[in-house]
Full PDB file with SEQRES, HELIX, SHEET, SSBOND, CRYST1, ORIGX, SCALE, CONECT and MASTER records, all heavy atoms in Angstrom:
SEQRES   1 A   38  LEU ASP ALA LEU MET SER GLU TYR GLY THR ASP ILE THR          
SEQRES   2 A   38  ASP ASP CYS ALA PHE LEU HIS HIS ASN GLY HIS GLY VAL          
SEQRES   3 A   38  ASP THR GLU ASN HIS TYR LEU ALA GLY ARG PHE PHE              
HELIX    1 AA1 ASP A    2  TYR A    8  1                                   7    
SHEET    1 AA1 2 CYS A  16  HIS A  20  0                                        
SHEET    2 AA1 2 HIS A  31  GLY A  35 -1                                        
CRYST1    1.000    1.000    1.000  90.00  90.00  90.00 P 1           1          
ORIGX1      1.000000  0.000000  0.000000        0.00000                         
ORIGX2      0.000000  1.000000  0.000000        0.00000                         
ORIGX3      0.000000  0.000000  1.000000        0.00000                         
SCALE1      1.000000  0.000000  0.000000        0.00000                         
SCALE2      0.000000  1.000000  0.000000        0.00000                         
SCALE3      0.000000  0.000000  1.000000        0.00000                         
ATOM      1  N   LEU A   1       0.822  -1.115   0.005  1.00  0.00           N  
ATOM      2  CA  LEU A   1       0.034   0.026  -0.028  1.00  0.00           C  
ATOM      3  C   LEU A   1       0.834   1.211  -0.037  1.00  0.00           C  
ATOM      4  O   LEU A   1       0.604   2.195  -0.646  1.00  0.00           O  
ATOM      5  CB  LEU A   1      -0.891  -0.012   1.225  1.00  0.00           C  
ATOM      6  CG  LEU A   1      -1.889  -1.268   1.332  1.00  0.00           C  
ATOM      7  CD1 LEU A   1      -2.840  -1.037   2.370  1.00  0.00           C  
ATOM      8  CD2 LEU A   1      -2.740  -1.370   0.099  1.00  0.00           C  
ATOM      9  N   ASP A   2       2.077   1.155   0.664  1.00  0.00           N  
ATOM     10  CA  ASP A   2       2.839   2.324   0.649  1.00  0.00           C  
ATOM     11  C   ASP A   2       3.376   2.724  -0.741  1.00  0.00           C  
ATOM     12  O   ASP A   2       3.553   3.858  -1.125  1.00  0.00           O  
ATOM     13  CB  ASP A   2       4.160   2.034   1.441  1.00  0.00           C  
ATOM     14  CG  ASP A   2       3.846   1.973   3.087  1.00  0.00           C  
ATOM     15  OD1 ASP A   2       2.943   2.604   3.478  1.00  0.00           O  
ATOM     16  OD2 ASP A   2       4.687   1.247   3.719  1.00  0.00           O  
ATOM     17  N   ALA A   3       3.628   1.539  -1.564  1.00  0.00           N  
ATOM     18  CA  ALA A   3       4.071   1.771  -2.795  1.00  0.00           C  
ATOM     19  C   ALA A   3       3.002   2.409  -3.747  1.00  0.00           C  
ATOM     20  O   ALA A   3       3.431   3.009  -4.726  1.00  0.00           O  
ATOM     21  CB  ALA A   3       4.424   0.255  -3.441  1.00  0.00           C  
ATOM     22  N   LEU A   4       1.830   2.339  -3.304  1.00  0.00           N  
ATOM     23  CA  LEU A   4       0.630   2.955  -4.184  1.00  0.00           C  
ATOM     24  C   LEU A   4       0.490   4.387  -3.837  1.00  0.00           C  
ATOM     25  O   LEU A   4      -0.161   5.159  -4.641  1.00  0.00           O  
ATOM     26  CB  LEU A   4      -0.526   2.105  -4.044  1.00  0.00           C  
ATOM     27  CG  LEU A   4      -0.630   0.762  -4.528  1.00  0.00           C  
ATOM     28  CD1 LEU A   4      -1.813   0.068  -4.130  1.00  0.00           C  
ATOM     29  CD2 LEU A   4      -0.454   0.772  -6.032  1.00  0.00           C  
ATOM     30  N   MET A   5       0.897   4.877  -2.690  1.00  0.00           N  
ATOM     31  CA  MET A   5       0.537   6.197  -2.067  1.00  0.00           C  
ATOM     32  C   MET A   5       0.941   7.301  -3.031  1.00  0.00           C  
ATOM     33  O   MET A   5       0.164   8.250  -3.142  1.00  0.00           O  
ATOM     34  CB  MET A   5       1.135   6.370  -0.788  1.00  0.00           C  
ATOM     35  CG  MET A   5       0.484   5.545   0.296  1.00  0.00           C  
ATOM     36  SD  MET A   5      -1.297   5.736   0.594  1.00  0.00           S  
ATOM     37  CE  MET A   5      -1.222   7.361   1.343  1.00  0.00           C  
ATOM     38  N   SER A   6       2.195   7.374  -3.521  1.00  0.00           N  
ATOM     39  CA  SER A   6       2.669   8.471  -4.416  1.00  0.00           C  
ATOM     40  C   SER A   6       1.707   8.661  -5.633  1.00  0.00           C  
ATOM     41  O   SER A   6       1.588   9.871  -5.874  1.00  0.00           O  
ATOM     42  CB  SER A   6       4.148   8.222  -4.811  1.00  0.00           C  
ATOM     43  OG  SER A   6       4.170   7.147  -5.545  1.00  0.00           O  
ATOM     44  N   GLU A   7       1.207   7.727  -6.189  1.00  0.00           N  
ATOM     45  CA  GLU A   7       0.472   7.991  -7.389  1.00  0.00           C  
ATOM     46  C   GLU A   7      -1.019   7.979  -7.129  1.00  0.00           C  
ATOM     47  O   GLU A   7      -1.806   8.684  -7.847  1.00  0.00           O  
ATOM     48  CB  GLU A   7       0.845   6.943  -8.411  1.00  0.00           C  
ATOM     49  CG  GLU A   7       0.130   7.031  -9.773  1.00  0.00           C  
ATOM     50  CD  GLU A   7       0.705   6.113 -10.810  1.00  0.00           C  
ATOM     51  OE1 GLU A   7       1.719   5.445 -10.574  1.00  0.00           O  
ATOM     52  OE2 GLU A   7       0.110   6.063 -11.922  1.00  0.00           O  
ATOM     53  N   TYR A   8      -1.456   7.221  -6.149  1.00  0.00           N  
ATOM     54  CA  TYR A   8      -2.885   7.017  -6.008  1.00  0.00           C  
ATOM     55  C   TYR A   8      -3.455   7.565  -4.614  1.00  0.00           C  
ATOM     56  O   TYR A   8      -4.638   7.424  -4.275  1.00  0.00           O  
ATOM     57  CB  TYR A   8      -3.256   5.493  -6.130  1.00  0.00           C  
ATOM     58  CG  TYR A   8      -3.011   4.999  -7.526  1.00  0.00           C  
ATOM     59  CD1 TYR A   8      -1.907   4.254  -7.762  1.00  0.00           C  
ATOM     60  CD2 TYR A   8      -3.692   5.334  -8.640  1.00  0.00           C  
ATOM     61  CE1 TYR A   8      -1.497   3.644  -8.902  1.00  0.00           C  
ATOM     62  CE2 TYR A   8      -3.374   4.811  -9.857  1.00  0.00           C  
ATOM     63  CZ  TYR A   8      -2.242   3.940 -10.041  1.00  0.00           C  
ATOM     64  OH  TYR A   8      -2.006   3.388 -11.217  1.00  0.00           O  
ATOM     65  N   GLY A   9      -2.537   8.052  -3.885  1.00  0.00           N  
ATOM     66  CA  GLY A   9      -2.937   8.494  -2.457  1.00  0.00           C  
ATOM     67  C   GLY A   9      -3.964   9.624  -2.400  1.00  0.00           C  
ATOM     68  O   GLY A   9      -4.197  10.266  -3.463  1.00  0.00           O  
ATOM     69  N   THR A  10      -4.524   9.838  -1.241  1.00  0.00           N  
ATOM     70  CA  THR A  10      -5.631  10.966  -1.020  1.00  0.00           C  
ATOM     71  C   THR A  10      -5.071  11.863   0.072  1.00  0.00           C  
ATOM     72  O   THR A  10      -4.055  11.652   0.626  1.00  0.00           O  
ATOM     73  CB  THR A  10      -6.884  10.242  -0.662  1.00  0.00           C  
ATOM     74  OG1 THR A  10      -6.817   9.680   0.539  1.00  0.00           O  
ATOM     75  CG2 THR A  10      -7.319   9.235  -1.764  1.00  0.00           C  
ATOM     76  N   ASP A  11      -5.948  12.758   0.501  1.00  0.00           N  
ATOM     77  CA  ASP A  11      -5.769  13.565   1.557  1.00  0.00           C  
ATOM     78  C   ASP A  11      -5.663  12.854   2.817  1.00  0.00           C  
ATOM     79  O   ASP A  11      -5.058  13.267   3.835  1.00  0.00           O  
ATOM     80  CB  ASP A  11      -6.705  14.721   1.618  1.00  0.00           C  
ATOM     81  CG  ASP A  11      -6.645  15.667   0.496  1.00  0.00           C  
ATOM     82  OD1 ASP A  11      -5.545  15.779  -0.138  1.00  0.00           O  
ATOM     83  OD2 ASP A  11      -7.543  16.482   0.240  1.00  0.00           O  
ATOM     84  N   ILE A  12      -6.381  11.753   2.950  1.00  0.00           N  
ATOM     85  CA  ILE A  12      -6.369  10.862   4.199  1.00  0.00           C  
ATOM     86  C   ILE A  12      -5.163   9.801   3.935  1.00  0.00           C  
ATOM     87  O   ILE A  12      -5.468   8.824   3.242  1.00  0.00           O  
ATOM     88  CB  ILE A  12      -7.551  10.168   4.384  1.00  0.00           C  
ATOM     89  CG1 ILE A  12      -8.795  11.151   4.435  1.00  0.00           C  
ATOM     90  CG2 ILE A  12      -7.671   9.329   5.743  1.00  0.00           C  
ATOM     91  CD1 ILE A  12      -8.651  12.285   5.452  1.00  0.00           C  
ATOM     92  N   THR A  13      -4.023  10.081   4.454  1.00  0.00           N  
ATOM     93  CA  THR A  13      -2.865   9.312   4.231  1.00  0.00           C  
ATOM     94  C   THR A  13      -2.501   8.175   5.288  1.00  0.00           C  
ATOM     95  O   THR A  13      -1.536   7.457   5.046  1.00  0.00           O  
ATOM     96  CB  THR A  13      -1.597  10.117   3.991  1.00  0.00           C  
ATOM     97  OG1 THR A  13      -1.414  10.937   5.160  1.00  0.00           O  
ATOM     98  CG2 THR A  13      -1.845  11.188   2.778  1.00  0.00           C  
ATOM     99  N   ASP A  14      -3.229   8.334   6.457  1.00  0.00           N  
ATOM    100  CA  ASP A  14      -2.784   7.446   7.569  1.00  0.00           C  
ATOM    101  C   ASP A  14      -3.388   6.013   7.447  1.00  0.00           C  
ATOM    102  O   ASP A  14      -4.460   5.756   6.707  1.00  0.00           O  
ATOM    103  CB  ASP A  14      -3.340   8.110   8.784  1.00  0.00           C  
ATOM    104  CG  ASP A  14      -2.798   9.488   9.118  1.00  0.00           C  
ATOM    105  OD1 ASP A  14      -1.574   9.637   9.261  1.00  0.00           O  
ATOM    106  OD2 ASP A  14      -3.492  10.529   8.802  1.00  0.00           O  
ATOM    107  N   ASP A  15      -2.881   5.146   8.229  1.00  0.00           N  
ATOM    108  CA  ASP A  15      -3.497   3.818   8.340  1.00  0.00           C  
ATOM    109  C   ASP A  15      -4.940   3.979   8.935  1.00  0.00           C  
ATOM    110  O   ASP A  15      -5.154   4.738   9.825  1.00  0.00           O  
ATOM    111  CB  ASP A  15      -2.654   2.994   9.284  1.00  0.00           C  
ATOM    112  CG  ASP A  15      -1.300   2.694   8.596  1.00  0.00           C  
ATOM    113  OD1 ASP A  15      -1.051   2.962   7.520  1.00  0.00           O  
ATOM    114  OD2 ASP A  15      -0.398   2.254   9.437  1.00  0.00           O  
ATOM    115  N   CYS A  16      -5.703   3.075   8.407  1.00  0.00           N  
ATOM    116  CA  CYS A  16      -7.168   3.112   8.908  1.00  0.00           C  
ATOM    117  C   CYS A  16      -7.710   1.821   9.269  1.00  0.00           C  
ATOM    118  O   CYS A  16      -7.287   0.803   8.690  1.00  0.00           O  
ATOM    119  CB  CYS A  16      -7.965   3.910   7.929  1.00  0.00           C  
ATOM    120  SG  CYS A  16      -7.595   5.525   7.460  1.00  0.00           S  
ATOM    121  N   ALA A  17      -8.805   1.880  10.115  1.00  0.00           N  
ATOM    122  CA  ALA A  17      -9.568   0.590  10.335  1.00  0.00           C  
ATOM    123  C   ALA A  17     -10.852   1.062   9.741  1.00  0.00           C  
ATOM    124  O   ALA A  17     -11.646   1.917  10.263  1.00  0.00           O  
ATOM    125  CB  ALA A  17      -9.681   0.292  11.787  1.00  0.00           C  
ATOM    126  N   PHE A  18     -11.408   0.355   8.670  1.00  0.00           N  
ATOM    127  CA  PHE A  18     -12.440   0.723   7.917  1.00  0.00           C  
ATOM    128  C   PHE A  18     -13.538  -0.352   8.109  1.00  0.00           C  
ATOM    129  O   PHE A  18     -13.221  -1.484   7.796  1.00  0.00           O  
ATOM    130  CB  PHE A  18     -12.100   0.925   6.434  1.00  0.00           C  
ATOM    131  CG  PHE A  18     -13.052   1.388   5.465  1.00  0.00           C  
ATOM    132  CD1 PHE A  18     -13.247   2.703   5.245  1.00  0.00           C  
ATOM    133  CD2 PHE A  18     -14.038   0.464   4.900  1.00  0.00           C  
ATOM    134  CE1 PHE A  18     -14.278   3.170   4.399  1.00  0.00           C  
ATOM    135  CE2 PHE A  18     -14.959   0.922   4.061  1.00  0.00           C  
ATOM    136  CZ  PHE A  18     -15.033   2.178   3.735  1.00  0.00           C  
ATOM    137  N   LEU A  19     -14.716   0.057   8.402  1.00  0.00           N  
ATOM    138  CA  LEU A  19     -15.798  -0.960   8.532  1.00  0.00           C  
ATOM    139  C   LEU A  19     -17.036  -0.551   7.539  1.00  0.00           C  
ATOM    140  O   LEU A  19     -17.524   0.544   7.532  1.00  0.00           O  
ATOM    141  CB  LEU A  19     -16.303  -1.126   9.976  1.00  0.00           C  
ATOM    142  CG  LEU A  19     -17.268  -2.249  10.122  1.00  0.00           C  
ATOM    143  CD1 LEU A  19     -17.177  -2.927  11.485  1.00  0.00           C  
ATOM    144  CD2 LEU A  19     -18.799  -1.759  10.191  1.00  0.00           C  
ATOM    145  N   HIS A  20     -17.594  -1.628   6.776  1.00  0.00           N  
ATOM    146  CA  HIS A  20     -18.765  -1.539   6.077  1.00  0.00           C  
ATOM    147  C   HIS A  20     -19.471  -2.873   6.116  1.00  0.00           C  
ATOM    148  O   HIS A  20     -18.865  -3.778   6.451  1.00  0.00           O  
ATOM    149  CB  HIS A  20     -18.469  -1.107   4.730  1.00  0.00           C  
ATOM    150  CG  HIS A  20     -17.809  -2.173   3.742  1.00  0.00           C  
ATOM    151  ND1 HIS A  20     -18.565  -2.917   2.950  1.00  0.00           N  
ATOM    152  CD2 HIS A  20     -16.666  -2.526   3.632  1.00  0.00           C  
ATOM    153  CE1 HIS A  20     -17.815  -3.829   2.352  1.00  0.00           C  
ATOM    154  NE2 HIS A  20     -16.608  -3.537   2.704  1.00  0.00           N  
ATOM    155  N   HIS A  21     -20.687  -2.840   5.726  1.00  0.00           N  
ATOM    156  CA  HIS A  21     -21.361  -4.125   5.789  1.00  0.00           C  
ATOM    157  C   HIS A  21     -22.174  -4.364   4.503  1.00  0.00           C  
ATOM    158  O   HIS A  21     -23.193  -5.065   4.621  1.00  0.00           O  
ATOM    159  CB  HIS A  21     -22.236  -4.307   7.144  1.00  0.00           C  
ATOM    160  CG  HIS A  21     -23.119  -3.112   7.429  1.00  0.00           C  
ATOM    161  ND1 HIS A  21     -24.196  -2.708   6.447  1.00  0.00           N  
ATOM    162  CD2 HIS A  21     -23.050  -2.148   8.233  1.00  0.00           C  
ATOM    163  CE1 HIS A  21     -24.732  -1.753   6.913  1.00  0.00           C  
ATOM    164  NE2 HIS A  21     -24.071  -1.178   8.041  1.00  0.00           N  
ATOM    165  N   ASN A  22     -21.832  -3.951   3.373  1.00  0.00           N  
ATOM    166  CA  ASN A  22     -22.341  -4.254   2.155  1.00  0.00           C  
ATOM    167  C   ASN A  22     -23.724  -3.887   2.071  1.00  0.00           C  
ATOM    168  O   ASN A  22     -24.506  -4.594   1.406  1.00  0.00           O  
ATOM    169  CB  ASN A  22     -22.107  -5.790   1.769  1.00  0.00           C  
ATOM    170  CG  ASN A  22     -20.733  -6.068   0.992  1.00  0.00           C  
ATOM    171  OD1 ASN A  22     -20.205  -4.986   0.555  1.00  0.00           O  
ATOM    172  ND2 ASN A  22     -20.395  -7.170   0.856  1.00  0.00           N  
ATOM    173  N   GLY A  23     -24.203  -2.866   2.721  1.00  0.00           N  
ATOM    174  CA  GLY A  23     -25.673  -2.539   2.560  1.00  0.00           C  
ATOM    175  C   GLY A  23     -26.517  -3.379   3.427  1.00  0.00           C  
ATOM    176  O   GLY A  23     -27.799  -3.105   3.439  1.00  0.00           O  
ATOM    177  N   HIS A  24     -26.044  -4.167   4.297  1.00  0.00           N  
ATOM    178  CA  HIS A  24     -26.814  -5.011   5.078  1.00  0.00           C  
ATOM    179  C   HIS A  24     -27.041  -4.362   6.491  1.00  0.00           C  
ATOM    180  O   HIS A  24     -26.378  -3.419   6.830  1.00  0.00           O  
ATOM    181  CB  HIS A  24     -26.328  -6.493   5.216  1.00  0.00           C  
ATOM    182  CG  HIS A  24     -26.442  -7.097   3.815  1.00  0.00           C  
ATOM    183  ND1 HIS A  24     -27.472  -7.968   3.474  1.00  0.00           N  
ATOM    184  CD2 HIS A  24     -25.423  -7.160   2.861  1.00  0.00           C  
ATOM    185  CE1 HIS A  24     -27.316  -8.472   2.190  1.00  0.00           C  
ATOM    186  NE2 HIS A  24     -26.001  -8.082   1.891  1.00  0.00           N  
ATOM    187  N   GLY A  25     -27.598  -5.134   7.483  1.00  0.00           N  
ATOM    188  CA  GLY A  25     -27.793  -4.538   8.763  1.00  0.00           C  
ATOM    189  C   GLY A  25     -26.466  -4.687   9.571  1.00  0.00           C  
ATOM    190  O   GLY A  25     -25.490  -5.234   9.189  1.00  0.00           O  
ATOM    191  N   VAL A  26     -26.604  -4.039  10.767  1.00  0.00           N  
ATOM    192  CA  VAL A  26     -25.364  -4.013  11.680  1.00  0.00           C  
ATOM    193  C   VAL A  26     -24.984  -5.504  12.039  1.00  0.00           C  
ATOM    194  O   VAL A  26     -25.803  -6.151  12.282  1.00  0.00           O  
ATOM    195  CB  VAL A  26     -25.617  -3.286  12.915  1.00  0.00           C  
ATOM    196  CG1 VAL A  26     -24.483  -3.360  13.884  1.00  0.00           C  
ATOM    197  CG2 VAL A  26     -25.728  -1.815  12.632  1.00  0.00           C  
ATOM    198  N   ASP A  27     -23.702  -5.818  12.029  1.00  0.00           N  
ATOM    199  CA  ASP A  27     -23.128  -7.137  12.244  1.00  0.00           C  
ATOM    200  C   ASP A  27     -23.607  -8.182  11.399  1.00  0.00           C  
ATOM    201  O   ASP A  27     -23.696  -9.352  11.622  1.00  0.00           O  
ATOM    202  CB  ASP A  27     -23.601  -7.583  13.725  1.00  0.00           C  
ATOM    203  CG  ASP A  27     -22.933  -6.693  14.783  1.00  0.00           C  
ATOM    204  OD1 ASP A  27     -21.839  -6.170  14.436  1.00  0.00           O  
ATOM    205  OD2 ASP A  27     -23.530  -6.484  15.837  1.00  0.00           O  
ATOM    206  N   THR A  28     -24.083  -7.757  10.071  1.00  0.00           N  
ATOM    207  CA  THR A  28     -24.267  -8.617   8.988  1.00  0.00           C  
ATOM    208  C   THR A  28     -23.359  -8.339   7.819  1.00  0.00           C  
ATOM    209  O   THR A  28     -23.464  -7.243   7.330  1.00  0.00           O  
ATOM    210  CB  THR A  28     -25.799  -8.496   8.624  1.00  0.00           C  
ATOM    211  OG1 THR A  28     -26.653  -8.674   9.789  1.00  0.00           O  
ATOM    212  CG2 THR A  28     -26.189  -9.523   7.544  1.00  0.00           C  
ATOM    213  N   GLU A  29     -22.693  -9.424   7.419  1.00  0.00           N  
ATOM    214  CA  GLU A  29     -21.604  -9.259   6.277  1.00  0.00           C  
ATOM    215  C   GLU A  29     -20.721  -8.229   6.586  1.00  0.00           C  
ATOM    216  O   GLU A  29     -20.420  -7.350   5.675  1.00  0.00           O  
ATOM    217  CB  GLU A  29     -22.464  -9.137   4.954  1.00  0.00           C  
ATOM    218  CG  GLU A  29     -23.106 -10.253   4.494  1.00  0.00           C  
ATOM    219  CD  GLU A  29     -23.421 -10.265   2.985  1.00  0.00           C  
ATOM    220  OE1 GLU A  29     -22.500  -9.601   2.208  1.00  0.00           O  
ATOM    221  OE2 GLU A  29     -24.342 -10.930   2.530  1.00  0.00           O  
ATOM    222  N   ASN A  30     -20.197  -8.001   7.858  1.00  0.00           N  
ATOM    223  CA  ASN A  30     -19.368  -7.016   8.098  1.00  0.00           C  
ATOM    224  C   ASN A  30     -17.976  -7.244   7.541  1.00  0.00           C  
ATOM    225  O   ASN A  30     -17.515  -8.323   7.167  1.00  0.00           O  
ATOM    226  CB  ASN A  30     -19.002  -6.967   9.633  1.00  0.00           C  
ATOM    227  CG  ASN A  30     -20.030  -6.295  10.496  1.00  0.00           C  
ATOM    228  OD1 ASN A  30     -20.642  -5.427   9.960  1.00  0.00           O  
ATOM    229  ND2 ASN A  30     -20.111  -6.620  11.793  1.00  0.00           N  
ATOM    230  N   HIS A  31     -17.308  -6.234   6.990  1.00  0.00           N  
ATOM    231  CA  HIS A  31     -16.012  -6.237   6.484  1.00  0.00           C  
ATOM    232  C   HIS A  31     -15.182  -5.098   7.257  1.00  0.00           C  
ATOM    233  O   HIS A  31     -15.491  -3.947   7.167  1.00  0.00           O  
ATOM    234  CB  HIS A  31     -15.964  -5.889   4.855  1.00  0.00           C  
ATOM    235  CG  HIS A  31     -16.637  -7.008   4.188  1.00  0.00           C  
ATOM    236  ND1 HIS A  31     -15.876  -7.999   3.479  1.00  0.00           N  
ATOM    237  CD2 HIS A  31     -17.969  -7.203   3.969  1.00  0.00           C  
ATOM    238  CE1 HIS A  31     -16.731  -8.717   2.940  1.00  0.00           C  
ATOM    239  NE2 HIS A  31     -17.965  -8.281   2.981  1.00  0.00           N  
ATOM    240  N   TYR A  32     -14.104  -5.625   7.910  1.00  0.00           N  
ATOM    241  CA  TYR A  32     -13.290  -4.778   8.750  1.00  0.00           C  
ATOM    242  C   TYR A  32     -11.892  -4.681   8.147  1.00  0.00           C  
ATOM    243  O   TYR A  32     -11.129  -5.591   8.383  1.00  0.00           O  
ATOM    244  CB  TYR A  32     -13.240  -5.277  10.097  1.00  0.00           C  
ATOM    245  CG  TYR A  32     -13.140  -4.322  11.149  1.00  0.00           C  
ATOM    246  CD1 TYR A  32     -13.530  -4.558  12.550  1.00  0.00           C  
ATOM    247  CD2 TYR A  32     -12.491  -3.077  10.913  1.00  0.00           C  
ATOM    248  CE1 TYR A  32     -13.283  -3.564  13.623  1.00  0.00           C  
ATOM    249  CE2 TYR A  32     -12.241  -2.090  11.931  1.00  0.00           C  
ATOM    250  CZ  TYR A  32     -12.674  -2.359  13.229  1.00  0.00           C  
ATOM    251  OH  TYR A  32     -12.525  -1.440  14.175  1.00  0.00           O  
ATOM    252  N   LEU A  33     -11.573  -3.703   7.295  1.00  0.00           N  
ATOM    253  CA  LEU A  33     -10.414  -3.734   6.575  1.00  0.00           C  
ATOM    254  C   LEU A  33      -9.271  -2.964   7.260  1.00  0.00           C  
ATOM    255  O   LEU A  33      -9.561  -1.672   7.671  1.00  0.00           O  
ATOM    256  CB  LEU A  33     -10.603  -3.170   5.178  1.00  0.00           C  
ATOM    257  CG  LEU A  33     -11.706  -3.809   4.255  1.00  0.00           C  
ATOM    258  CD1 LEU A  33     -11.746  -3.123   2.932  1.00  0.00           C  
ATOM    259  CD2 LEU A  33     -11.298  -5.239   4.058  1.00  0.00           C  
ATOM    260  N   ALA A  34      -8.131  -3.349   7.332  1.00  0.00           N  
ATOM    261  CA  ALA A  34      -7.037  -2.637   7.752  1.00  0.00           C  
ATOM    262  C   ALA A  34      -6.253  -2.239   6.514  1.00  0.00           C  
ATOM    263  O   ALA A  34      -5.774  -2.994   5.761  1.00  0.00           O  
ATOM    264  CB  ALA A  34      -5.982  -3.539   8.691  1.00  0.00           C  
ATOM    265  N   GLY A  35      -6.085  -0.886   6.275  1.00  0.00           N  
ATOM    266  CA  GLY A  35      -5.552  -0.411   5.003  1.00  0.00           C  
ATOM    267  C   GLY A  35      -5.551   1.064   5.020  1.00  0.00           C  
ATOM    268  O   GLY A  35      -5.417   1.896   5.896  1.00  0.00           O  
ATOM    269  N   ARG A  36      -5.821   1.522   3.663  1.00  0.00           N  
ATOM    270  CA  ARG A  36      -5.785   2.974   3.462  1.00  0.00           C  
ATOM    271  C   ARG A  36      -6.741   3.430   2.369  1.00  0.00           C  
ATOM    272  O   ARG A  36      -7.143   2.682   1.542  1.00  0.00           O  
ATOM    273  CB  ARG A  36      -4.397   3.507   2.975  1.00  0.00           C  
ATOM    274  CG  ARG A  36      -3.366   3.238   4.043  1.00  0.00           C  
ATOM    275  CD  ARG A  36      -2.247   4.279   3.882  1.00  0.00           C  
ATOM    276  NE  ARG A  36      -1.097   4.052   4.892  1.00  0.00           N  
ATOM    277  CZ  ARG A  36       0.239   3.578   4.543  1.00  0.00           C  
ATOM    278  NH1 ARG A  36       0.490   3.446   3.274  1.00  0.00           N  
ATOM    279  NH2 ARG A  36       1.035   3.376   5.404  1.00  0.00           N  
ATOM    280  N   PHE A  37      -7.037   4.739   2.364  1.00  0.00           N  
ATOM    281  CA  PHE A  37      -7.916   5.286   1.386  1.00  0.00           C  
ATOM    282  C   PHE A  37      -7.067   5.547  -0.032  1.00  0.00           C  
ATOM    283  O   PHE A  37      -5.990   6.104   0.229  1.00  0.00           O  
ATOM    284  CB  PHE A  37      -8.599   6.590   1.814  1.00  0.00           C  
ATOM    285  CG  PHE A  37      -9.707   6.416   2.788  1.00  0.00           C  
ATOM    286  CD1 PHE A  37      -9.473   6.490   4.144  1.00  0.00           C  
ATOM    287  CD2 PHE A  37     -11.001   6.127   2.201  1.00  0.00           C  
ATOM    288  CE1 PHE A  37     -10.551   6.309   4.976  1.00  0.00           C  
ATOM    289  CE2 PHE A  37     -11.963   5.921   3.103  1.00  0.00           C  
ATOM    290  CZ  PHE A  37     -11.762   6.117   4.547  1.00  0.00           C  
ATOM    291  N   PHE A  38      -7.617   5.279  -1.055  1.00  0.00           N  
ATOM    292  CA  PHE A  38      -7.000   5.689  -2.365  1.00  0.00           C  
ATOM    293  C   PHE A  38      -7.856   6.243  -3.326  1.00  0.00           C  
ATOM    294  O   PHE A  38      -9.215   6.213  -2.977  1.00  0.00           O  
ATOM    295  CB  PHE A  38      -6.259   4.328  -2.986  1.00  0.00           C  
ATOM    296  CG  PHE A  38      -5.253   3.788  -2.275  1.00  0.00           C  
ATOM    297  CD1 PHE A  38      -5.378   2.756  -1.316  1.00  0.00           C  
ATOM    298  CD2 PHE A  38      -3.958   4.249  -2.444  1.00  0.00           C  
ATOM    299  CE1 PHE A  38      -4.455   2.215  -0.569  1.00  0.00           C  
ATOM    300  CE2 PHE A  38      -2.858   3.659  -1.612  1.00  0.00           C  
ATOM    301  CZ  PHE A  38      -3.088   2.662  -0.644  1.00  0.00           C  
TER     302      PHE A  38                                                      
MASTER        0    0    0    1    2    0    0    6  301    1    0    3          
END                                                                             
C-alpha cells in the first residue's frame, strides 16, 4: 500500500480501520479492513 501512495494517495494518508457491511444490517456481512484510502 505504501508503494501505491505516491500515485494514488488521497488527503487521508494514515493507516485506517475501515468498516462497512455491504448494505446489510449491523453485524451482518461486516468487512473490517486494515488499510488506506486511495
